[in-house]
Amino acid sequence: MPASPSAAEPVIDLVAQADTMLCADRQFGDSAAIGERNLARFRLGLTMLARHDGEAADVLRTTAAAADEHLRPLLYDPVLRNCFEVDLARLESGRLGHSSFGAYVSGYVPTPAADAPSSMSSMGPCEALIRPHRSAWPGLGDAWVLTEPTPHGSSQEKLVGRLMELYRGALGDIRAAAPVDPADSVRAVLREGAELLATLLPAAGPGVLGHVTMVGFTHRESEEGPLQSMSGGDPLPSTVLLAPERCTSPWLAAESLLHEGAHLKLFDALRTGSVVKNATERVPIPWRIGSWTVIRVFVALHFYVHLLVFRAAAASAGEAVRERFGPPPSVEDLDEPSPGTPAARSGEYRTSAERARYLAECVLSLPEQALTEHGHRFARWLLTALRLVDDDAPRPHDRAEATTRRAEPWQPPENPSGGVLQRITPVDACALPGLGQLVVSPTRSARMHWLNARSWTVYSLCDGRDLGSVRTAYARAVDLPADSEEVNRQVSDSVRRLVAADLITHDM
């Protein structure tokens, strides 16, 4: 029997709150902010690469200086993004040699003096290989459908070779067949799935879809069974691969896009803000053989929270949604526990809610020092959204609530009070004033450092002043009493971190 309006309205309100909350956090939920930080990281990273590769320096610097509308299709191009990430990893480990990004981007960079937008202002290099061009979900984003590429000229042939190499690598099969050219009916359901996702979750849906650049259809068999869906991650960035069978109904397509798009969104967010301090720490997972790293626990919890919000939205969907897209599935489609695991023996952890609660408890049980400041913020944000759609989700423990207010307890400054504070020069930097962040890299370094508004202010004041003068100027800038404990703590914390990052010196 349908719920009465008075009973349904509170549920709908909670779903709307959860949908809004999934996009509210500036670090992990706000896609526009995530994109702005990634563009800044891209510009600075290209500048860093140019310092170490003389042959490609000109094209790297020209690319870094391009306008946002020219730069964005390059950043989210699967091949160029992969090359960029590989180059940065090699640079940090001292093994760069020549930039692979520089080799592939040549010929695709718009000249700064050109008034008319180049073909790359709206289309990335890989997208330009596909003819006919097919938009994945017109009106909801710029994603396009991968089919067999048709290169023209040696540079495009080289690009095709790399794209197909990454495609096969992501599938884990160097002999994998070429992408499936989807039938019109499959593409129609894909579009309907995206529209359904955006209808049910008007905030989170379009945000998730915006992190997808390329959608490919493929078949793959493995020991774990046939491929259903996957997101590319580092091996094939900004990409979702689907079995055509995932587009037999808009509901199945919508859930697949939410699943993989949420992973891509988090992938982009984590590029500019780590959440764990020990990347190797592991947690047992009762429905899988072995254990997961803490970061994988966060990734899975992030998806399950999105999925539970989607399911709650589906359950409360009105007649207009059901008439347009059909009724939602009555049975949850979830992977079975791996054979031989505790979950397989006990029959537990067969639903998304059970798994989300377990992962939430894992997060709450972590020692305070296991997470970064971003990690504590990420946990609070996710668990708050989860509680909106699952009354049985675990509540933060008293200790966790207290300790997450400050990820790193204040310590007295390790530096003596005398001496002067001086910024290291030269540096390359990108400012994001709207987000209150500065990303900076000393030219002698291969690392980027993200400064929040507080550290950025302190950093700007380290121009040869002593610590007392920096405190006085900082207090004036943030409108706090100069002799307050809060000013002392904020300046001391920032100075300690800036010195540790080798961004300033404290000379006697």
Protein backbone atom coordinates (compact mmCIF):
# COMPACT_ATOMS: atom_id res chain seq x y z
CA MET A 1 0.00 0.00 0.00
CA PRO A 2 1.54 3.38 -0.94
CA ALA A 3 2.78 5.54 1.89
CA SER A 4 0.60 8.46 2.84
CA PRO A 5 1.90 11.93 1.93
CA SER A 6 2.61 12.73 5.58
CA ALA A 7 4.76 9.60 5.90
CA ALA A 8 6.53 10.03 2.58
CA GLU A 9 7.46 13.69 2.91
CA PRO A 10 9.99 13.27 5.76
CA VAL A 11 11.72 10.49 3.83
CA ILE A 12 11.92 12.62 0.69
CA ASP A 13 13.28 15.50 2.75
CA LEU A 14 16.03 13.33 4.23
CA VAL A 15 16.98 12.02 0.79
CA ALA A 16 17.18 15.60 -0.51
CA GLN A 17 19.38 16.54 2.46
CA ALA A 18 21.68 13.57 1.80
CA ASP A 19 21.86 14.39 -1.92
CA THR A 20 22.83 17.99 -1.13
CA MET A 21 25.34 16.89 1.50
CA LEU A 22 27.15 14.60 -0.94
CA CYS A 23 28.07 17.72 -2.94
CA ALA A 24 28.53 20.16 -0.07
CA ASP A 25 32.04 19.36 1.15
CA ARG A 26 34.50 21.62 -0.68
CA GLN A 27 37.31 19.06 -0.60
CA PHE A 28 35.46 15.84 -1.49
CA GLY A 29 31.91 16.69 -2.59
CA ASP A 30 31.96 19.90 -4.62
CA SER A 31 32.86 18.87 -8.18
CA ALA A 32 33.55 22.45 -9.28
CA ALA A 33 36.06 22.89 -6.44
CA ILE A 34 37.62 19.49 -7.15
CA GLY A 35 38.01 20.47 -10.80
CA GLU A 36 39.55 23.84 -9.93
CA ARG A 37 42.15 22.19 -7.70
CA ASN A 38 42.99 19.62 -10.35
CA LEU A 39 43.49 22.31 -12.98
CA ALA A 40 45.87 24.11 -10.59
CA ARG A 41 47.73 20.86 -9.95
CA PHE A 42 47.89 20.27 -13.72
CA ARG A 43 49.36 23.72 -14.40
CA LEU A 44 51.92 23.43 -11.64
CA GLY A 45 52.80 19.85 -12.55
CA LEU A 46 53.46 20.80 -16.17
CA THR A 47 55.66 23.66 -15.00
CA MET A 48 57.60 21.26 -12.75
CA LEU A 49 58.05 18.82 -15.64
CA ALA A 50 59.30 21.65 -17.87
CA ARG A 51 62.11 22.33 -15.38
CA HIS A 52 63.44 18.80 -15.81
CA ASP A 53 62.89 18.10 -19.53
CA GLY A 54 64.59 20.65 -21.75
CA GLU A 55 63.38 19.09 -25.00
CA ALA A 56 59.71 19.34 -24.06
CA ALA A 57 59.98 22.49 -21.93
CA ASP A 58 58.41 24.83 -24.47
CA VAL A 59 55.33 22.72 -25.16
CA LEU A 60 54.88 21.95 -21.45
CA ARG A 61 55.04 25.64 -20.48
CA THR A 62 52.74 26.62 -23.35
CA THR A 63 50.22 24.03 -22.22
CA ALA A 64 50.47 25.18 -18.60
CA ALA A 65 49.71 28.76 -19.69
CA ALA A 66 46.62 27.84 -21.74
CA ALA A 67 43.19 29.11 -20.71
CA ASP A 68 40.98 26.83 -18.63
CA GLU A 69 38.68 26.01 -21.54
CA HIS A 70 41.67 24.77 -23.56
CA LEU A 71 43.35 23.03 -20.65
CA ARG A 72 40.40 21.05 -19.30
CA PRO A 73 39.99 18.71 -22.33
CA LEU A 74 43.71 17.93 -22.12
CA LEU A 75 43.62 17.20 -18.39
CA TYR A 76 40.69 14.80 -18.73
CA ASP A 77 41.88 13.11 -21.92
CA PRO A 78 42.56 9.46 -20.97
CA VAL A 79 45.98 9.20 -22.64
CA LEU A 80 47.27 12.64 -21.65
CA ARG A 81 46.09 12.27 -18.05
CA ASN A 82 47.79 8.89 -17.79
CA CYS A 83 51.01 10.32 -19.21
CA PHE A 84 50.86 13.26 -16.82
CA GLU A 85 50.43 11.04 -13.75
CA VAL A 86 53.21 8.69 -14.89
CA ASP A 87 55.52 11.67 -15.47
CA LEU A 88 54.84 13.11 -12.01
CA ALA A 89 55.48 9.75 -10.34
CA ARG A 90 58.76 9.40 -12.22
CA LEU A 91 59.75 12.95 -11.39
CA GLU A 92 59.17 12.42 -7.68
CA SER A 93 61.25 9.22 -7.75
CA GLY A 94 64.04 10.89 -9.76
CA ARG A 95 63.44 8.76 -12.89
CA LEU A 96 61.74 11.21 -15.26
CA GLY A 97 64.03 11.19 -18.29
CA HIS A 98 61.80 12.62 -21.02
CA SER A 99 58.18 13.60 -20.44
CA SER A 100 55.74 11.22 -22.10
CA PHE A 101 53.06 13.91 -21.77
CA GLY A 102 55.27 16.27 -23.77
CA ALA A 103 55.65 13.67 -26.50
CA TYR A 104 51.89 13.06 -26.86
CA VAL A 105 50.60 16.62 -26.39
CA SER A 106 52.64 18.10 -29.26
CA GLY A 107 50.25 19.22 -31.96
CA TYR A 108 47.29 19.54 -29.60
CA VAL A 109 48.21 22.71 -27.74
CA PRO A 110 46.39 25.90 -28.80
CA THR A 111 48.62 28.89 -29.40
CA PRO A 112 48.04 31.59 -26.76
CA ALA A 113 47.78 34.27 -29.45
CA ALA A 114 44.93 32.58 -31.31
CA ASP A 115 41.64 34.41 -30.85
CA ALA A 116 39.44 31.70 -32.27
CA PRO A 117 39.09 28.60 -30.12
CA SER A 118 41.01 25.58 -31.43
CA SER A 119 39.41 22.20 -31.97
CA MET A 120 40.87 21.18 -28.62
CA SER A 121 38.90 23.82 -26.74
CA SER A 122 35.90 21.50 -26.69
CA MET A 123 37.36 18.14 -27.68
CA GLY A 124 40.36 16.26 -26.32
CA PRO A 125 42.87 14.41 -28.54
CA CYS A 126 41.39 10.94 -27.94
CA GLU A 127 37.85 12.16 -28.48
CA ALA A 128 38.92 13.58 -31.84
CA LEU A 129 39.88 10.06 -32.95
CA ILE A 130 36.32 8.75 -32.78
CA ARG A 131 34.11 9.14 -35.85
CA PRO A 132 31.21 9.39 -35.83
CA HIS A 133 31.27 11.28 -32.57
CA ARG A 134 28.67 10.10 -30.06
CA SER A 135 27.86 11.96 -26.88
CA ALA A 136 27.17 9.69 -23.91
CA TRP A 137 24.52 11.87 -22.25
CA PRO A 138 23.77 15.10 -24.15
CA GLY A 139 22.90 18.01 -21.91
CA LEU A 140 24.39 16.46 -18.78
CA GLY A 141 28.10 16.58 -19.58
CA ASP A 142 30.80 16.20 -22.19
CA ALA A 143 31.35 12.43 -21.93
CA TRP A 144 31.64 10.55 -25.20
CA VAL A 145 31.34 6.91 -26.29
CA LEU A 146 34.46 4.97 -27.26
CA THR A 147 34.34 2.94 -30.46
CA GLU A 148 37.08 1.76 -32.83
CA PRO A 149 39.33 4.84 -33.38
CA THR A 150 39.99 6.13 -36.91
CA PRO A 151 43.36 7.93 -36.87
CA HIS A 152 44.64 10.28 -39.56
CA GLY A 153 48.37 10.85 -39.68
CA SER A 154 51.28 9.51 -37.65
CA SER A 155 50.60 11.52 -34.48
CA GLN A 156 47.04 10.20 -34.25
CA GLU A 157 48.21 6.67 -34.98
CA LYS A 158 50.65 6.96 -32.09
CA LEU A 159 47.84 8.23 -29.86
CA VAL A 160 45.57 5.34 -30.90
CA GLY A 161 48.31 2.85 -30.07
CA ARG A 162 48.67 4.29 -26.59
CA LEU A 163 44.89 4.49 -26.02
CA MET A 164 44.41 0.84 -26.94
CA GLU A 165 47.39 -0.16 -24.83
CA LEU A 166 45.82 1.56 -21.82
CA TYR A 167 42.43 0.04 -22.63
CA ARG A 168 43.85 -3.49 -22.68
CA GLY A 169 45.94 -2.79 -19.59
CA ALA A 170 42.91 -1.63 -17.63
CA LEU A 171 41.14 -4.86 -18.57
CA GLY A 172 44.19 -6.88 -17.56
CA ASP A 173 44.32 -8.62 -20.93
CA ILE A 174 46.76 -7.65 -23.68
CA ARG A 175 44.67 -9.75 -26.09
CA ALA A 176 41.38 -8.05 -25.21
CA ALA A 177 39.08 -7.43 -28.13
CA ALA A 178 38.49 -3.92 -29.40
CA PRO A 179 35.73 -1.86 -27.75
CA VAL A 180 32.21 -2.88 -28.64
CA ASP A 181 30.37 -0.49 -30.92
CA PRO A 182 27.11 -0.21 -28.96
CA ALA A 183 23.78 -0.53 -30.68
CA ASP A 184 21.52 2.49 -30.77
CA SER A 185 19.30 0.83 -28.15
CA VAL A 186 22.26 0.42 -25.75
CA ARG A 187 23.26 4.06 -26.16
CA ALA A 188 19.66 5.14 -25.62
CA VAL A 189 19.49 3.26 -22.30
CA LEU A 190 22.87 4.68 -21.30
CA ARG A 191 21.49 8.17 -21.83
CA GLU A 192 18.30 7.30 -19.96
CA GLY A 193 20.37 5.93 -17.08
CA ALA A 194 22.27 9.20 -16.81
CA GLU A 195 19.02 11.16 -16.95
CA LEU A 196 17.49 8.93 -14.26
CA LEU A 197 20.54 9.43 -12.03
CA ALA A 198 20.31 13.19 -12.44
CA THR A 199 16.56 13.11 -11.79
CA LEU A 200 16.78 11.08 -8.57
CA LEU A 201 19.88 12.88 -7.27
CA PRO A 202 19.76 16.38 -8.82
CA ALA A 203 22.89 17.47 -6.93
CA ALA A 204 25.08 14.36 -6.71
CA GLY A 205 24.03 12.81 -10.03
CA PRO A 206 25.31 15.48 -12.43
CA GLY A 207 28.37 15.95 -10.19
CA VAL A 208 29.34 12.30 -10.53
CA LEU A 209 28.68 12.25 -14.29
CA GLY A 210 30.92 15.29 -14.72
CA HIS A 211 33.99 13.26 -13.75
CA VAL A 212 33.47 10.81 -16.64
CA THR A 213 35.09 11.65 -19.96
CA MET A 214 34.96 8.39 -21.90
CA VAL A 215 32.46 5.50 -21.77
CA GLY A 216 33.47 2.24 -23.39
CA PHE A 217 31.53 -0.99 -23.85
CA THR A 218 33.41 -4.25 -23.68
CA HIS A 219 33.29 -7.95 -22.86
CA ARG A 220 35.78 -9.59 -20.51
CA GLU A 221 35.82 -12.95 -18.75
CA SER A 222 37.99 -13.59 -15.73
CA GLU A 223 38.25 -15.99 -12.80
CA GLU A 224 35.78 -13.76 -10.95
CA GLY A 225 33.26 -13.96 -13.77
CA PRO A 226 32.25 -11.60 -16.59
CA LEU A 227 32.98 -7.89 -16.32
CA GLN A 228 29.97 -5.82 -15.26
CA SER A 229 31.50 -2.37 -14.93
CA MET A 230 34.75 -0.73 -13.92
CA SER A 231 36.36 2.70 -13.63
CA GLY A 232 39.77 3.30 -15.13
CA GLY A 233 41.65 5.03 -12.32
CA ASP A 234 45.34 5.54 -13.10
CA PRO A 235 45.54 2.95 -15.91
CA LEU A 236 42.72 4.54 -17.93
CA PRO A 237 41.78 7.88 -16.33
CA SER A 238 38.34 9.49 -16.50
CA THR A 239 36.91 6.33 -18.06
CA VAL A 240 34.01 4.00 -17.32
CA LEU A 241 33.89 0.59 -19.01
CA LEU A 242 30.59 -1.29 -19.09
CA ALA A 243 29.29 -4.61 -20.31
CA PRO A 244 26.48 -3.88 -22.81
CA GLU A 245 24.21 -5.92 -20.52
CA ARG A 246 24.41 -3.12 -17.94
CA CYS A 247 22.28 -1.06 -20.30
CA THR A 248 19.25 -3.32 -20.42
CA SER A 249 17.34 -0.95 -18.14
CA PRO A 250 17.78 2.69 -17.07
CA TRP A 251 17.93 1.62 -13.41
CA LEU A 252 20.80 -0.77 -13.98
CA ALA A 253 22.64 1.81 -16.11
CA ALA A 254 22.08 4.57 -13.54
CA GLU A 255 23.45 2.43 -10.71
CA SER A 256 26.50 1.46 -12.79
CA LEU A 257 27.22 5.10 -13.65
CA LEU A 258 26.83 6.11 -10.01
CA HIS A 259 29.18 3.34 -8.90
CA GLU A 260 31.99 4.03 -11.32
CA GLY A 261 31.45 7.79 -11.52
CA ALA A 262 31.70 8.07 -7.72
CA HIS A 263 35.04 6.27 -7.89
CA LEU A 264 36.31 8.69 -10.56
CA LYS A 265 35.13 11.67 -8.52
CA LEU A 266 36.96 10.43 -5.45
CA PHE A 267 40.02 9.66 -7.56
CA ASP A 268 40.10 13.32 -8.63
CA ALA A 269 39.50 14.56 -5.08
CA LEU A 270 42.27 12.46 -3.56
CA ARG A 271 44.81 13.88 -6.00
CA THR A 272 44.80 17.11 -4.00
CA GLY A 273 44.20 15.88 -0.45
CA SER A 274 45.32 12.59 1.12
CA VAL A 275 43.17 11.00 3.83
CA VAL A 276 45.45 8.37 5.38
CA LYS A 277 48.93 8.62 6.87
CA ASN A 278 49.85 4.94 6.51
CA ALA A 279 48.96 3.74 3.03
CA THR A 280 49.86 0.13 3.88
CA GLU A 281 47.66 -0.31 6.98
CA ARG A 282 45.06 -3.00 6.35
CA VAL A 283 41.57 -3.91 7.57
CA PRO A 284 39.92 -7.38 7.40
CA ILE A 285 36.85 -7.56 5.12
CA PRO A 286 34.50 -10.44 5.99
CA TRP A 287 32.99 -10.76 2.50
CA ARG A 288 36.34 -10.82 0.72
CA ILE A 289 39.40 -13.04 1.03
CA GLY A 290 42.25 -11.18 2.65
CA SER A 291 42.16 -7.58 3.79
CA TRP A 292 41.90 -4.09 2.34
CA THR A 293 44.04 -1.02 2.82
CA VAL A 294 42.45 1.81 4.78
CA ILE A 295 42.19 3.93 1.64
CA ARG A 296 40.28 1.12 -0.10
CA VAL A 297 37.91 1.03 2.88
CA PHE A 298 37.25 4.74 2.36
CA VAL A 299 36.73 4.24 -1.39
CA ALA A 300 34.21 1.45 -0.79
CA LEU A 301 32.39 3.36 1.96
CA HIS A 302 32.21 6.41 -0.31
CA PHE A 303 30.46 4.34 -2.98
CA TYR A 304 28.11 2.54 -0.59
CA VAL A 305 26.93 5.82 0.93
CA HIS A 306 26.16 7.15 -2.56
CA LEU A 307 24.39 3.90 -3.41
CA LEU A 308 22.22 3.96 -0.28
CA VAL A 309 21.19 7.55 -1.00
CA PHE A 310 20.33 6.50 -4.56
CA ARG A 311 18.29 3.56 -3.29
CA ALA A 312 16.43 5.76 -0.82
CA ALA A 313 15.68 8.18 -3.65
CA ALA A 314 14.45 5.30 -5.82
CA ALA A 315 12.17 4.00 -3.08
CA SER A 316 10.55 7.41 -2.68
CA ALA A 317 10.39 8.21 -6.41
CA GLY A 318 7.08 9.61 -7.60
CA GLU A 319 4.83 8.31 -10.33
CA ALA A 320 6.34 10.57 -12.97
CA VAL A 321 9.74 8.91 -12.51
CA ARG A 322 8.25 5.42 -12.60
CA GLU A 323 6.21 6.17 -15.71
CA ARG A 324 9.25 7.54 -17.54
CA PHE A 325 11.90 5.02 -16.46
CA GLY A 326 9.90 2.07 -15.22
CA PRO A 327 9.71 0.75 -11.65
CA PRO A 328 12.96 0.36 -9.69
CA PRO A 329 14.27 -3.20 -9.21
CA SER A 330 12.66 -4.97 -6.26
CA VAL A 331 15.80 -6.98 -5.45
CA GLU A 332 19.23 -5.52 -4.76
CA ASP A 333 21.93 -6.57 -7.23
CA LEU A 334 25.12 -7.00 -5.19
CA ASP A 335 28.23 -9.16 -5.60
CA GLU A 336 28.14 -12.40 -3.65
CA PRO A 337 30.69 -12.81 -0.83
CA SER A 338 33.83 -14.63 -1.95
CA PRO A 339 33.63 -18.40 -1.30
CA GLY A 340 35.13 -19.47 2.00
CA THR A 341 34.84 -16.06 3.65
CA PRO A 342 33.07 -15.50 7.00
CA ALA A 343 30.25 -13.74 5.16
CA ALA A 344 29.77 -16.69 2.80
CA ARG A 345 29.48 -19.05 5.79
CA SER A 346 27.26 -16.85 7.96
CA GLY A 347 25.02 -15.32 5.32
CA GLU A 348 25.87 -11.80 6.52
CA TYR A 349 26.99 -8.75 4.53
CA ARG A 350 24.69 -9.51 1.60
CA THR A 351 23.30 -5.96 1.39
CA SER A 352 24.80 -2.54 0.78
CA ALA A 353 23.56 -1.33 4.16
CA GLU A 354 25.31 -4.16 6.04
CA ARG A 355 28.55 -3.52 4.22
CA ALA A 356 28.35 0.24 4.70
CA ARG A 357 27.79 -0.21 8.45
CA TYR A 358 30.76 -2.54 8.74
CA LEU A 359 33.04 -0.16 6.83
CA ALA A 360 31.79 2.76 8.93
CA GLU A 361 32.68 0.86 12.10
CA CYS A 362 36.13 0.19 10.65
CA VAL A 363 36.64 3.91 10.09
CA LEU A 364 35.41 4.77 13.59
CA SER A 365 37.76 2.19 15.10
CA LEU A 366 40.88 3.62 13.48
CA PRO A 367 43.31 5.35 15.83
CA GLU A 368 43.30 9.12 15.53
CA GLN A 369 46.82 9.20 14.13
CA ALA A 370 45.90 6.89 11.21
CA LEU A 371 44.10 9.70 9.36
CA THR A 372 45.14 13.11 8.10
CA GLU A 373 43.13 16.24 8.82
CA HIS A 374 41.41 15.65 5.47
CA GLY A 375 40.76 12.03 6.48
CA HIS A 376 38.94 13.01 9.67
CA ARG A 377 36.90 15.54 7.71
CA PHE A 378 36.12 12.94 5.03
CA ALA A 379 34.93 10.45 7.67
CA ARG A 380 32.64 12.95 9.39
CA TRP A 381 31.14 14.02 6.08
CA LEU A 382 30.45 10.48 4.86
CA LEU A 383 29.07 9.21 8.16
CA THR A 384 26.74 12.19 8.49
CA ALA A 385 25.33 11.53 5.01
CA LEU A 386 24.98 7.83 5.80
CA ARG A 387 22.97 8.52 8.97
CA LEU A 388 20.42 10.48 6.94
CA VAL A 389 19.38 7.39 4.98
CA ASP A 390 20.19 4.59 7.45
CA ASP A 391 19.00 4.89 11.04
CA ASP A 392 21.02 1.80 12.00
CA ALA A 393 24.33 3.18 10.75
CA PRO A 394 26.89 3.51 13.55
CA ARG A 395 27.18 6.79 15.36
CA PRO A 396 30.59 8.33 16.00
CA HIS A 397 32.00 7.21 19.32
CA ASP A 398 32.56 9.88 21.96
CA ARG A 399 36.32 9.58 21.58
CA ALA A 400 36.10 9.80 17.81
CA GLU A 401 33.85 12.87 17.99
CA ALA A 402 36.34 14.59 20.26
CA THR A 403 39.49 13.65 18.41
CA THR A 404 38.20 14.43 14.93
CA ARG A 405 37.71 18.06 15.85
CA ARG A 406 41.45 18.49 15.60
CA ALA A 407 43.31 15.97 13.49
CA GLU A 408 46.72 16.98 14.87
CA PRO A 409 46.91 18.29 18.44
CA TRP A 410 48.77 21.50 18.91
CA GLN A 411 52.43 21.27 19.84
CA PRO A 412 54.68 24.12 20.96
CA PRO A 413 56.93 25.35 18.17
CA GLU A 414 60.11 23.37 17.82
CA ASN A 415 61.97 26.42 16.52
CA PRO A 416 63.49 28.98 18.87
CA SER A 417 61.63 32.25 19.19
CA GLY A 418 64.55 34.24 17.80
CA GLY A 419 65.76 34.40 14.22
CA VAL A 420 63.99 35.31 11.01
CA LEU A 421 61.49 33.46 8.86
CA GLN A 422 62.18 33.54 5.13
CA ARG A 423 60.41 31.95 2.18
CA ILE A 424 62.49 29.61 0.02
CA THR A 425 63.02 30.97 -3.49
CA PRO A 426 62.51 30.43 -6.34
CA VAL A 427 59.15 28.64 -6.32
CA ASP A 428 56.34 27.93 -8.74
CA ALA A 429 52.82 28.37 -7.42
CA CYS A 430 49.15 28.45 -8.37
CA ALA A 431 46.72 30.44 -6.24
CA LEU A 432 43.08 29.48 -5.73
CA PRO A 433 41.72 32.48 -3.83
CA GLY A 434 38.12 31.36 -4.10
CA LEU A 435 39.01 28.15 -2.27
CA GLY A 436 41.47 29.78 0.12
CA GLN A 437 44.31 27.55 -1.09
CA LEU A 438 47.77 27.92 -2.58
CA VAL A 439 49.67 25.06 -4.22
CA VAL A 440 53.40 25.69 -4.31
CA SER A 441 56.56 23.83 -5.29
CA PRO A 442 60.18 24.99 -4.76
CA THR A 443 62.06 24.72 -8.05
CA ARG A 444 64.65 22.46 -6.43
CA SER A 445 61.91 20.04 -5.36
CA ALA A 446 59.71 17.49 -7.11
CA ARG A 447 56.80 17.83 -4.70
CA MET A 448 53.69 19.99 -4.47
CA HIS A 449 52.48 21.44 -1.18
CA TRP A 450 48.86 22.49 -0.58
CA LEU A 451 48.45 25.39 1.81
CA ASN A 452 45.11 26.29 3.35
CA ALA A 453 44.14 29.91 3.97
CA ARG A 454 45.82 29.93 7.39
CA SER A 455 49.15 28.51 6.21
CA TRP A 456 49.02 30.66 3.07
CA THR A 457 48.69 33.80 5.19
CA VAL A 458 51.60 32.80 7.44
CA TYR A 459 53.67 31.84 4.39
CA SER A 460 53.10 35.24 2.80
CA LEU A 461 54.37 36.95 5.98
CA CYS A 462 57.65 35.02 6.09
CA ASP A 463 59.64 37.72 4.32
CA GLY A 464 62.50 38.15 6.80
CA ARG A 465 60.42 38.97 9.88
CA ASP A 466 60.99 37.34 13.23
CA LEU A 467 58.37 35.02 14.72
CA GLY A 468 56.89 37.73 16.95
CA SER A 469 56.41 40.07 14.00
CA VAL A 470 54.76 37.31 11.99
CA ARG A 471 52.35 36.67 14.88
CA THR A 472 51.46 40.35 15.13
CA ALA A 473 50.87 40.69 11.38
CA TYR A 474 48.90 37.44 11.27
CA ALA A 475 46.65 38.52 14.14
CA ARG A 476 45.92 41.75 12.29
CA ALA A 477 45.15 39.83 9.06
CA VAL A 478 42.68 37.45 10.73
CA ASP A 479 41.28 39.99 13.20
CA LEU A 480 42.29 38.20 16.40
CA PRO A 481 44.06 39.56 19.52
CA ALA A 482 47.81 39.45 18.92
CA ASP A 483 48.55 37.93 22.34
CA SER A 484 45.86 35.22 22.14
CA GLU A 485 46.63 31.53 22.50
CA GLU A 486 44.74 30.85 19.26
CA VAL A 487 47.05 33.11 17.24
CA ASN A 488 50.08 31.54 18.90
CA ARG A 489 48.81 28.05 18.07
CA GLN A 490 47.85 28.82 14.46
CA VAL A 491 51.12 30.57 13.63
CA SER A 492 53.26 27.98 15.41
CA ASP A 493 51.51 25.08 13.69
CA SER A 494 51.83 26.72 10.28
CA VAL A 495 55.49 27.63 10.76
CA ARG A 496 56.34 24.11 11.88
CA ARG A 497 54.65 22.61 8.81
CA LEU A 498 56.16 25.14 6.40
CA VAL A 499 59.65 24.45 7.74
CA ALA A 500 59.06 20.68 7.51
CA ALA A 501 57.91 21.13 3.88
CA ASP A 502 61.08 23.10 3.12
CA LEU A 503 59.05 26.12 2.06
CA ILE A 504 60.55 28.51 4.62
CA THR A 505 63.74 28.73 6.67
CA HIS A 506 64.07 29.82 10.29
CA ASP A 507 67.57 31.24 10.55
CA MET A 508 69.15 32.57 13.71
